[in-house]
N, C-alpha and C. Protein backbone atom coordinates (compact mmCIF):
# COMPACT_ATOMS: atom_id res chain seq x y z
N MET A 1 6.29 13.90 -8.95
CA MET A 1 6.86 12.67 -9.42
C MET A 1 6.11 11.49 -8.82
N ASN A 2 6.17 10.37 -9.52
CA ASN A 2 5.47 9.16 -9.09
C ASN A 2 6.39 8.26 -8.28
N TRP A 3 5.76 7.54 -7.35
CA TRP A 3 6.44 6.56 -6.50
C TRP A 3 5.59 5.31 -6.46
N ILE A 4 6.25 4.17 -6.38
CA ILE A 4 5.59 2.88 -6.21
C ILE A 4 5.83 2.43 -4.78
N VAL A 5 4.77 1.99 -4.11
CA VAL A 5 4.87 1.39 -2.79
C VAL A 5 4.32 -0.02 -2.93
N TYR A 6 5.18 -1.01 -2.73
CA TYR A 6 4.84 -2.42 -2.95
C TYR A 6 5.03 -3.14 -1.62
N CYS A 7 3.94 -3.63 -1.05
CA CYS A 7 3.97 -4.25 0.28
C CYS A 7 3.45 -5.67 0.20
N THR A 8 4.22 -6.63 0.69
CA THR A 8 3.75 -8.00 0.75
C THR A 8 3.38 -8.34 2.20
N ASP A 9 2.27 -9.06 2.34
CA ASP A 9 1.78 -9.43 3.67
C ASP A 9 2.62 -10.54 4.28
N LYS A 10 2.62 -10.58 5.60
CA LYS A 10 3.22 -11.69 6.31
C LYS A 10 2.41 -12.95 6.02
N THR A 11 3.05 -14.09 6.04
CA THR A 11 2.37 -15.36 5.83
C THR A 11 1.27 -15.54 6.88
N GLY A 12 0.11 -15.95 6.42
CA GLY A 12 -1.01 -16.21 7.32
C GLY A 12 -1.72 -14.98 7.84
N ALA A 13 -1.51 -13.83 7.20
CA ALA A 13 -2.07 -12.57 7.70
C ALA A 13 -3.39 -12.17 7.05
N LEU A 14 -3.98 -13.05 6.26
CA LEU A 14 -5.22 -12.67 5.56
C LEU A 14 -6.33 -12.28 6.52
N GLY A 15 -6.49 -13.01 7.62
CA GLY A 15 -7.52 -12.67 8.60
C GLY A 15 -7.30 -11.30 9.20
N LEU A 16 -6.05 -10.97 9.52
CA LEU A 16 -5.71 -9.65 10.05
C LEU A 16 -6.03 -8.57 9.04
N ARG A 17 -5.69 -8.82 7.77
CA ARG A 17 -5.97 -7.87 6.69
C ARG A 17 -7.47 -7.63 6.58
N GLU A 18 -8.24 -8.72 6.48
CA GLU A 18 -9.68 -8.59 6.28
C GLU A 18 -10.35 -7.87 7.46
N ALA A 19 -9.92 -8.17 8.67
CA ALA A 19 -10.53 -7.54 9.85
C ALA A 19 -10.25 -6.05 9.93
N ASN A 20 -9.17 -5.60 9.31
CA ASN A 20 -8.77 -4.20 9.42
C ASN A 20 -8.85 -3.41 8.12
N THR A 21 -9.43 -4.02 7.10
CA THR A 21 -9.58 -3.31 5.82
C THR A 21 -10.42 -2.04 5.95
N PRO A 22 -11.51 -2.02 6.74
CA PRO A 22 -12.27 -0.77 6.86
C PRO A 22 -11.42 0.40 7.39
N GLN A 23 -10.55 0.16 8.35
CA GLN A 23 -9.69 1.23 8.88
C GLN A 23 -8.67 1.68 7.82
N HIS A 24 -8.15 0.73 7.08
CA HIS A 24 -7.20 1.04 6.01
C HIS A 24 -7.87 1.91 4.94
N ARG A 25 -9.06 1.51 4.53
CA ARG A 25 -9.79 2.28 3.51
C ARG A 25 -10.16 3.67 4.01
N ALA A 26 -10.56 3.76 5.27
CA ALA A 26 -10.89 5.07 5.86
C ALA A 26 -9.67 5.98 5.83
N TYR A 27 -8.50 5.43 6.11
CA TYR A 27 -7.27 6.21 6.05
C TYR A 27 -7.03 6.72 4.63
N LEU A 28 -7.17 5.84 3.64
CA LEU A 28 -6.95 6.25 2.25
C LEU A 28 -7.95 7.31 1.81
N GLU A 29 -9.18 7.25 2.32
CA GLU A 29 -10.20 8.24 1.96
C GLU A 29 -9.87 9.63 2.49
N THR A 30 -8.98 9.74 3.46
CA THR A 30 -8.56 11.07 3.94
C THR A 30 -7.61 11.74 2.96
N ARG A 31 -7.23 11.02 1.93
CA ARG A 31 -6.30 11.53 0.91
C ARG A 31 -5.01 12.08 1.54
N PRO A 32 -4.30 11.22 2.29
CA PRO A 32 -3.08 11.67 2.92
C PRO A 32 -1.95 11.96 1.92
N ILE A 33 -2.13 11.49 0.70
CA ILE A 33 -1.17 11.68 -0.38
C ILE A 33 -1.96 11.55 -1.68
N ALA A 34 -1.42 12.05 -2.77
CA ALA A 34 -2.12 11.93 -4.05
C ALA A 34 -1.98 10.50 -4.58
N LEU A 35 -3.07 9.74 -4.51
CA LEU A 35 -3.08 8.37 -5.01
C LEU A 35 -3.37 8.36 -6.50
N VAL A 36 -2.55 7.67 -7.26
CA VAL A 36 -2.78 7.51 -8.69
C VAL A 36 -3.49 6.19 -8.93
N VAL A 37 -2.99 5.14 -8.30
CA VAL A 37 -3.56 3.80 -8.39
C VAL A 37 -3.29 3.10 -7.07
N SER A 38 -4.26 2.34 -6.60
CA SER A 38 -4.01 1.53 -5.41
C SER A 38 -4.92 0.33 -5.41
N GLY A 39 -4.49 -0.71 -4.73
CA GLY A 39 -5.31 -1.91 -4.61
C GLY A 39 -4.50 -3.04 -4.03
N PRO A 40 -5.19 -4.13 -3.70
CA PRO A 40 -4.50 -5.27 -3.11
C PRO A 40 -3.77 -6.10 -4.16
N LEU A 41 -2.65 -6.66 -3.76
CA LEU A 41 -1.98 -7.68 -4.56
C LEU A 41 -2.73 -8.99 -4.32
N MET A 42 -2.86 -9.79 -5.36
CA MET A 42 -3.60 -11.04 -5.26
C MET A 42 -2.69 -12.22 -5.57
N ASP A 43 -3.05 -13.40 -5.03
CA ASP A 43 -2.32 -14.61 -5.39
C ASP A 43 -2.61 -14.94 -6.86
N ASP A 44 -1.87 -15.90 -7.40
CA ASP A 44 -2.01 -16.23 -8.82
C ASP A 44 -3.40 -16.70 -9.21
N ALA A 45 -4.12 -17.29 -8.27
CA ALA A 45 -5.48 -17.74 -8.55
C ALA A 45 -6.48 -16.60 -8.51
N GLY A 46 -6.05 -15.44 -8.01
CA GLY A 46 -6.95 -14.30 -7.90
C GLY A 46 -7.95 -14.44 -6.77
N GLU A 47 -7.65 -15.29 -5.80
CA GLU A 47 -8.60 -15.57 -4.73
C GLU A 47 -8.25 -14.90 -3.40
N ASN A 48 -6.98 -14.76 -3.09
CA ASN A 48 -6.57 -14.23 -1.79
C ASN A 48 -5.69 -13.01 -1.92
N LYS A 49 -5.92 -12.05 -1.05
CA LYS A 49 -5.10 -10.85 -1.01
C LYS A 49 -3.78 -11.19 -0.31
N ILE A 50 -2.68 -10.76 -0.91
CA ILE A 50 -1.36 -11.08 -0.38
C ILE A 50 -0.48 -9.86 -0.16
N GLY A 51 -1.04 -8.67 -0.36
CA GLY A 51 -0.24 -7.46 -0.20
C GLY A 51 -0.99 -6.24 -0.68
N SER A 52 -0.25 -5.15 -0.78
CA SER A 52 -0.83 -3.87 -1.19
C SER A 52 0.08 -3.19 -2.21
N PHE A 53 -0.54 -2.48 -3.15
CA PHE A 53 0.19 -1.74 -4.17
C PHE A 53 -0.36 -0.32 -4.24
N PHE A 54 0.53 0.63 -4.29
CA PHE A 54 0.15 2.03 -4.44
C PHE A 54 1.07 2.69 -5.46
N MET A 55 0.51 3.50 -6.33
CA MET A 55 1.28 4.46 -7.09
C MET A 55 0.81 5.81 -6.59
N VAL A 56 1.75 6.61 -6.11
CA VAL A 56 1.40 7.90 -5.53
C VAL A 56 2.21 9.01 -6.19
N GLU A 57 1.74 10.22 -6.00
CA GLU A 57 2.48 11.41 -6.43
C GLU A 57 2.96 12.13 -5.19
N ALA A 58 4.26 12.40 -5.14
CA ALA A 58 4.84 13.12 -4.02
C ALA A 58 6.17 13.71 -4.46
N GLN A 59 6.58 14.75 -3.78
CA GLN A 59 7.84 15.39 -4.12
C GLN A 59 9.04 14.66 -3.53
N THR A 60 8.86 14.06 -2.35
CA THR A 60 10.01 13.45 -1.68
C THR A 60 9.69 12.03 -1.19
N ARG A 61 10.73 11.26 -1.02
CA ARG A 61 10.59 9.92 -0.45
C ARG A 61 10.05 10.00 0.98
N GLU A 62 10.44 11.03 1.70
CA GLU A 62 9.96 11.20 3.08
C GLU A 62 8.45 11.30 3.14
N GLU A 63 7.83 11.99 2.18
CA GLU A 63 6.37 12.08 2.13
C GLU A 63 5.75 10.69 1.94
N VAL A 64 6.36 9.90 1.07
CA VAL A 64 5.85 8.57 0.78
C VAL A 64 6.02 7.67 2.00
N GLU A 65 7.16 7.76 2.65
CA GLU A 65 7.40 6.96 3.85
C GLU A 65 6.42 7.33 4.97
N ALA A 66 6.12 8.61 5.12
CA ALA A 66 5.16 9.04 6.14
C ALA A 66 3.76 8.51 5.81
N PHE A 67 3.37 8.56 4.54
CA PHE A 67 2.09 8.00 4.11
C PHE A 67 2.02 6.53 4.50
N ASN A 68 3.07 5.79 4.24
CA ASN A 68 3.08 4.36 4.54
C ASN A 68 3.06 4.09 6.04
N ARG A 69 3.85 4.82 6.80
CA ARG A 69 3.91 4.63 8.26
C ARG A 69 2.59 4.92 8.95
N ASN A 70 1.79 5.82 8.39
CA ASN A 70 0.52 6.20 9.00
C ASN A 70 -0.65 5.29 8.62
N ASP A 71 -0.40 4.35 7.72
CA ASP A 71 -1.44 3.41 7.31
C ASP A 71 -1.71 2.43 8.46
N PRO A 72 -2.97 2.18 8.80
CA PRO A 72 -3.27 1.21 9.86
C PRO A 72 -2.65 -0.17 9.62
N PHE A 73 -2.52 -0.58 8.38
CA PHE A 73 -1.88 -1.86 8.10
C PHE A 73 -0.43 -1.87 8.60
N PHE A 74 0.26 -0.75 8.46
CA PHE A 74 1.65 -0.65 8.94
C PHE A 74 1.68 -0.81 10.46
N ALA A 75 0.81 -0.08 11.14
CA ALA A 75 0.77 -0.12 12.61
C ALA A 75 0.47 -1.53 13.12
N LEU A 76 -0.30 -2.29 12.36
CA LEU A 76 -0.65 -3.66 12.75
C LEU A 76 0.48 -4.66 12.48
N GLY A 77 1.49 -4.22 11.74
CA GLY A 77 2.56 -5.14 11.38
C GLY A 77 2.14 -6.15 10.33
N LEU A 78 1.15 -5.80 9.51
CA LEU A 78 0.62 -6.70 8.49
C LEU A 78 1.67 -7.04 7.43
N TRP A 79 2.43 -6.05 7.03
CA TRP A 79 3.34 -6.24 5.90
C TRP A 79 4.67 -6.85 6.33
N ASP A 80 5.09 -7.84 5.56
CA ASP A 80 6.38 -8.49 5.77
C ASP A 80 7.50 -7.68 5.13
N GLU A 81 7.22 -7.18 3.94
CA GLU A 81 8.21 -6.41 3.20
C GLU A 81 7.54 -5.19 2.58
N ILE A 82 8.24 -4.06 2.64
CA ILE A 82 7.77 -2.81 2.04
C ILE A 82 8.87 -2.31 1.13
N ARG A 83 8.53 -2.09 -0.13
CA ARG A 83 9.51 -1.56 -1.09
C ARG A 83 8.95 -0.26 -1.65
N ILE A 84 9.77 0.77 -1.63
CA ILE A 84 9.39 2.07 -2.16
C ILE A 84 10.41 2.45 -3.23
N HIS A 85 9.89 2.77 -4.41
CA HIS A 85 10.77 3.13 -5.52
C HIS A 85 10.18 4.33 -6.26
N ARG A 86 11.06 5.21 -6.67
CA ARG A 86 10.67 6.28 -7.57
C ARG A 86 10.34 5.64 -8.91
N PHE A 87 9.35 6.19 -9.60
CA PHE A 87 8.86 5.58 -10.83
C PHE A 87 8.81 6.63 -11.93
N HIS A 88 9.41 6.31 -13.05
CA HIS A 88 9.37 7.20 -14.21
C HIS A 88 8.28 6.68 -15.15
N ARG A 89 7.17 7.36 -15.14
CA ARG A 89 5.99 6.95 -15.92
C ARG A 89 6.18 7.39 -17.37
N ARG A 90 6.20 6.45 -18.26
CA ARG A 90 6.38 6.75 -19.69
C ARG A 90 5.08 6.61 -20.47
N VAL A 91 4.24 5.66 -20.09
CA VAL A 91 3.00 5.40 -20.84
C VAL A 91 1.86 5.32 -19.83
N GLY A 92 0.69 5.81 -20.23
CA GLY A 92 -0.50 5.65 -19.41
C GLY A 92 -0.77 6.77 -18.46
């Protein structure tokens, strides 16, 4: 089943995000979970990263929560809000 992980950055955290993006990407390259889609959330102008979005495949919410907790961005306290929802994919 699919899950959505929607994370918004803390205000003023762009420098922290940029400095630690290589560690975040290295973590994702280990394939800790089946990633369907992932990428940064952008501001309306498309200029600044303001969060992270993931669509993943997992059997349980616990697997998704563990994936999120092990992300270097989580350990840094980058995200202000993290929302995890089960997703029923109908198209695409």
